[in-house]
Protein backbone atom coordinates (compact mmCIF):
# COMPACT_ATOMS: atom_id res chain seq x y z
CA MET A 1 20.72 30.37 -36.79
CA GLU A 2 22.45 27.59 -34.94
CA THR A 3 22.51 27.38 -31.25
CA ILE A 4 25.90 27.81 -29.69
CA VAL A 5 26.71 25.32 -26.92
CA ARG A 6 27.92 27.26 -23.89
CA LYS A 7 30.46 24.54 -22.85
CA GLN A 8 31.48 21.13 -23.93
CA MET A 9 29.70 18.62 -21.65
CA ILE A 10 32.26 17.05 -19.35
CA ILE A 11 29.93 14.85 -17.43
CA HIS A 12 28.47 11.67 -19.03
CA PRO A 13 24.88 12.05 -20.26
CA ASP A 14 23.71 9.01 -18.27
CA VAL A 15 25.29 10.47 -15.08
CA MET A 16 23.69 13.83 -15.86
CA ASP A 17 20.29 12.18 -15.87
CA LEU A 18 21.00 10.58 -12.51
CA LEU A 19 22.27 13.89 -11.10
CA ASN A 20 18.99 15.58 -12.17
CA ASN A 21 17.12 12.78 -10.44
CA GLN A 22 19.26 13.45 -7.32
CA ILE A 23 18.31 17.14 -7.43
CA ALA A 24 14.68 16.18 -7.33
CA LEU A 25 15.29 13.75 -4.46
CA GLU A 26 17.18 16.43 -2.50
CA MET A 27 14.35 18.94 -3.12
CA LYS A 28 11.73 16.43 -2.01
CA ALA A 29 13.78 15.78 1.14
CA SER A 30 13.81 19.52 1.78
CA ALA A 31 10.03 19.72 1.39
CA SER A 32 9.61 16.70 3.69
CA TYR A 33 11.70 18.36 6.32
CA LEU A 34 9.61 21.52 6.03
CA ALA A 35 6.47 19.42 6.62
CA MET A 36 8.13 17.82 9.61
CA ALA A 37 9.11 21.24 11.02
CA SER A 38 5.53 22.45 10.62
CA TRP A 39 4.15 19.41 12.47
CA CYS A 40 6.66 20.08 15.32
CA ASP A 41 5.85 23.77 15.37
CA GLN A 42 2.11 23.08 15.76
CA ARG A 43 2.94 21.09 18.80
CA GLU A 44 5.43 23.59 20.40
CA LEU A 45 8.33 21.05 20.00
CA LEU A 46 10.73 23.96 19.49
CA ASN A 47 14.06 22.05 19.30
CA SER A 48 12.68 19.67 16.70
CA LYS A 49 11.08 22.49 14.78
CA ALA A 50 14.41 24.38 14.53
CA PHE A 51 16.24 21.14 13.72
CA PHE A 52 13.93 20.26 10.80
CA TYR A 53 13.96 23.79 9.39
CA LYS A 54 17.75 23.55 9.31
CA GLN A 55 17.58 20.16 7.69
CA ALA A 56 15.23 21.52 5.00
CA GLU A 57 17.76 24.28 4.20
CA GLU A 58 20.66 21.80 4.07
CA GLU A 59 18.84 19.59 1.61
CA ARG A 60 18.06 22.57 -0.56
CA GLU A 61 21.74 23.57 -0.44
CA HIS A 62 22.68 20.00 -1.55
CA ALA A 63 20.22 20.26 -4.47
CA MET A 64 21.75 23.57 -5.46
CA LYS A 65 25.29 22.28 -5.22
CA ILE A 66 24.37 19.52 -7.67
CA PHE A 67 22.33 21.84 -9.85
CA GLU A 68 25.30 24.20 -10.35
CA PHE A 69 27.70 21.39 -10.83
CA VAL A 70 25.66 20.01 -13.72
CA ASN A 71 25.42 23.40 -15.35
CA ASP A 72 29.05 24.32 -14.71
CA ASN A 73 30.15 21.12 -16.42
CA GLY A 74 28.19 21.71 -19.64
CA GLY A 75 25.08 19.70 -18.66
CA SER A 76 21.56 20.85 -18.35
CA ALA A 77 20.19 20.95 -14.77
CA ILE A 78 16.47 20.55 -14.55
CA SER A 79 14.28 22.27 -11.93
CA PRO A 80 12.22 19.57 -10.37
CA SER A 81 8.53 19.37 -9.38
CA VAL A 82 8.01 18.31 -5.81
CA ASN A 83 4.84 16.30 -5.15
CA ASN A 84 3.41 13.82 -2.66
CA ILE A 85 4.88 15.26 0.52
CA ASN A 86 3.53 13.69 3.69
CA ASN A 87 2.25 16.33 6.10
CA ASP A 88 0.62 13.97 8.54
CA PHE A 89 2.67 12.23 11.21
CA ASP A 90 1.74 9.97 14.09
CA SER A 91 4.60 10.77 16.50
CA LEU A 92 7.86 12.65 16.95
CA ARG A 93 9.80 9.43 17.01
CA GLY A 94 8.08 8.40 13.80
CA ILE A 95 9.28 11.65 12.20
CA TYR A 96 12.86 10.93 13.15
CA GLU A 97 12.55 7.36 11.94
CA ALA A 98 11.11 8.53 8.63
CA SER A 99 13.99 11.05 8.41
CA LEU A 100 16.52 8.21 8.78
CA ASP A 101 14.76 6.17 6.09
CA GLN A 102 14.85 9.29 3.82
CA GLU A 103 18.52 9.78 4.42
CA ILE A 104 19.26 6.08 3.69
CA ASN A 105 17.40 6.47 0.40
CA VAL A 106 19.39 9.55 -0.51
CA THR A 107 22.68 7.70 0.33
CA GLN A 108 21.74 4.76 -1.86
CA SER A 109 20.91 7.12 -4.79
CA ILE A 110 24.28 8.87 -4.36
CA PHE A 111 26.05 5.46 -4.30
CA ASN A 112 24.26 4.58 -7.52
CA ILE A 113 25.40 7.78 -9.26
CA PHE A 114 28.94 7.23 -7.96
CA LYS A 115 29.02 3.67 -9.29
CA THR A 116 27.68 4.77 -12.65
CA ALA A 117 30.19 7.63 -12.90
CA ARG A 118 32.99 5.17 -12.17
CA LYS A 119 31.66 2.71 -14.77
CA VAL A 120 31.61 5.32 -17.52
CA ASP A 121 34.91 7.02 -16.51
CA ASP A 122 33.20 10.22 -15.42
CA PHE A 123 35.97 11.13 -13.04
CA VAL A 124 34.83 14.70 -12.50
CA THR A 125 31.48 13.53 -11.08
CA GLU A 126 33.13 10.80 -9.11
CA ILE A 127 35.36 13.24 -7.28
CA PHE A 128 32.43 15.69 -6.84
CA LEU A 129 30.32 13.05 -5.14
CA GLN A 130 32.94 12.13 -2.54
CA TRP A 131 31.84 15.06 -0.41
CA PHE A 132 28.18 13.82 -0.55
CA ILE A 133 29.18 10.35 0.45
CA THR A 134 30.94 11.66 3.62
CA GLU A 135 28.00 13.99 4.25
CA GLN A 136 25.48 11.17 4.00
CA ALA A 137 27.42 8.92 6.42
CA GLU A 138 27.31 11.84 8.95
CA GLU A 139 23.60 12.38 8.35
CA GLU A 140 22.66 8.76 8.88
CA ASP A 141 24.77 8.57 12.04
CA LYS A 142 23.13 11.76 13.35
CA PHE A 143 19.66 10.36 12.93
CA ARG A 144 20.52 7.05 14.47
CA SER A 145 21.88 8.90 17.50
CA LEU A 146 18.77 11.02 17.76
CA ILE A 147 16.54 7.96 17.66
CA ASP A 148 18.66 6.55 20.49
CA VAL A 149 17.46 9.51 22.65
CA PHE A 150 13.91 8.18 22.35
CA ASP A 151 14.96 4.78 23.56
CA LEU A 152 16.89 6.29 26.49
CA MET A 153 14.02 8.53 27.49
CA GLU A 154 11.17 6.07 26.93
CA GLY A 155 8.03 6.97 28.98
CA MET A 156 9.13 10.61 29.41
CA PRO A 157 6.82 13.47 28.29
CA LEU A 158 7.28 14.44 24.67
CA LYS A 159 8.18 18.06 25.55
CA MET A 160 10.99 16.80 27.78
CA ILE A 161 12.31 14.51 25.02
CA ASP A 162 12.23 17.43 22.59
CA GLU A 163 14.28 19.59 24.99
CA ARG A 164 17.00 16.89 24.93
CA LEU A 165 17.17 16.90 21.16
CA PRO A 166 19.49 19.37 19.43
CA LYS A 167 18.23 22.43 17.58
CA GLU A 168 20.92 21.94 14.87
């Protein structure tokens, strides 16, 4: 018996592979933010704890958005394994700096998928990724602004700095 293909694949196969890699990257970011939230929770840094729990959920939502896009367009989304999550941090500032680095990495990956989609005339994916490009610009700006708080409050107790950081 032959397998019936559910839908004709609209997205380019090379782009689909990159999107599956992006799903894994988003899920790893989600797991990283959970580890950061746990570190903050153990130290009673309540605003940062709430912030990173929210970030973890947002990254999971991004992964799911891509996952569903791949499947809805005839591709095959792959559920990723998430490994090598850092659970040990030196400082709260270091966590926010690592978060910015992580967001920059996610942005560069999205740019790469966008360029590839454009190169192979995968217009559906190109349009889909425009939301992510805007989202990533906002995320990077948010983390840069949060790191500025540490510079402005240098020398203040950690708990006081955390109270100045947003929960969301």
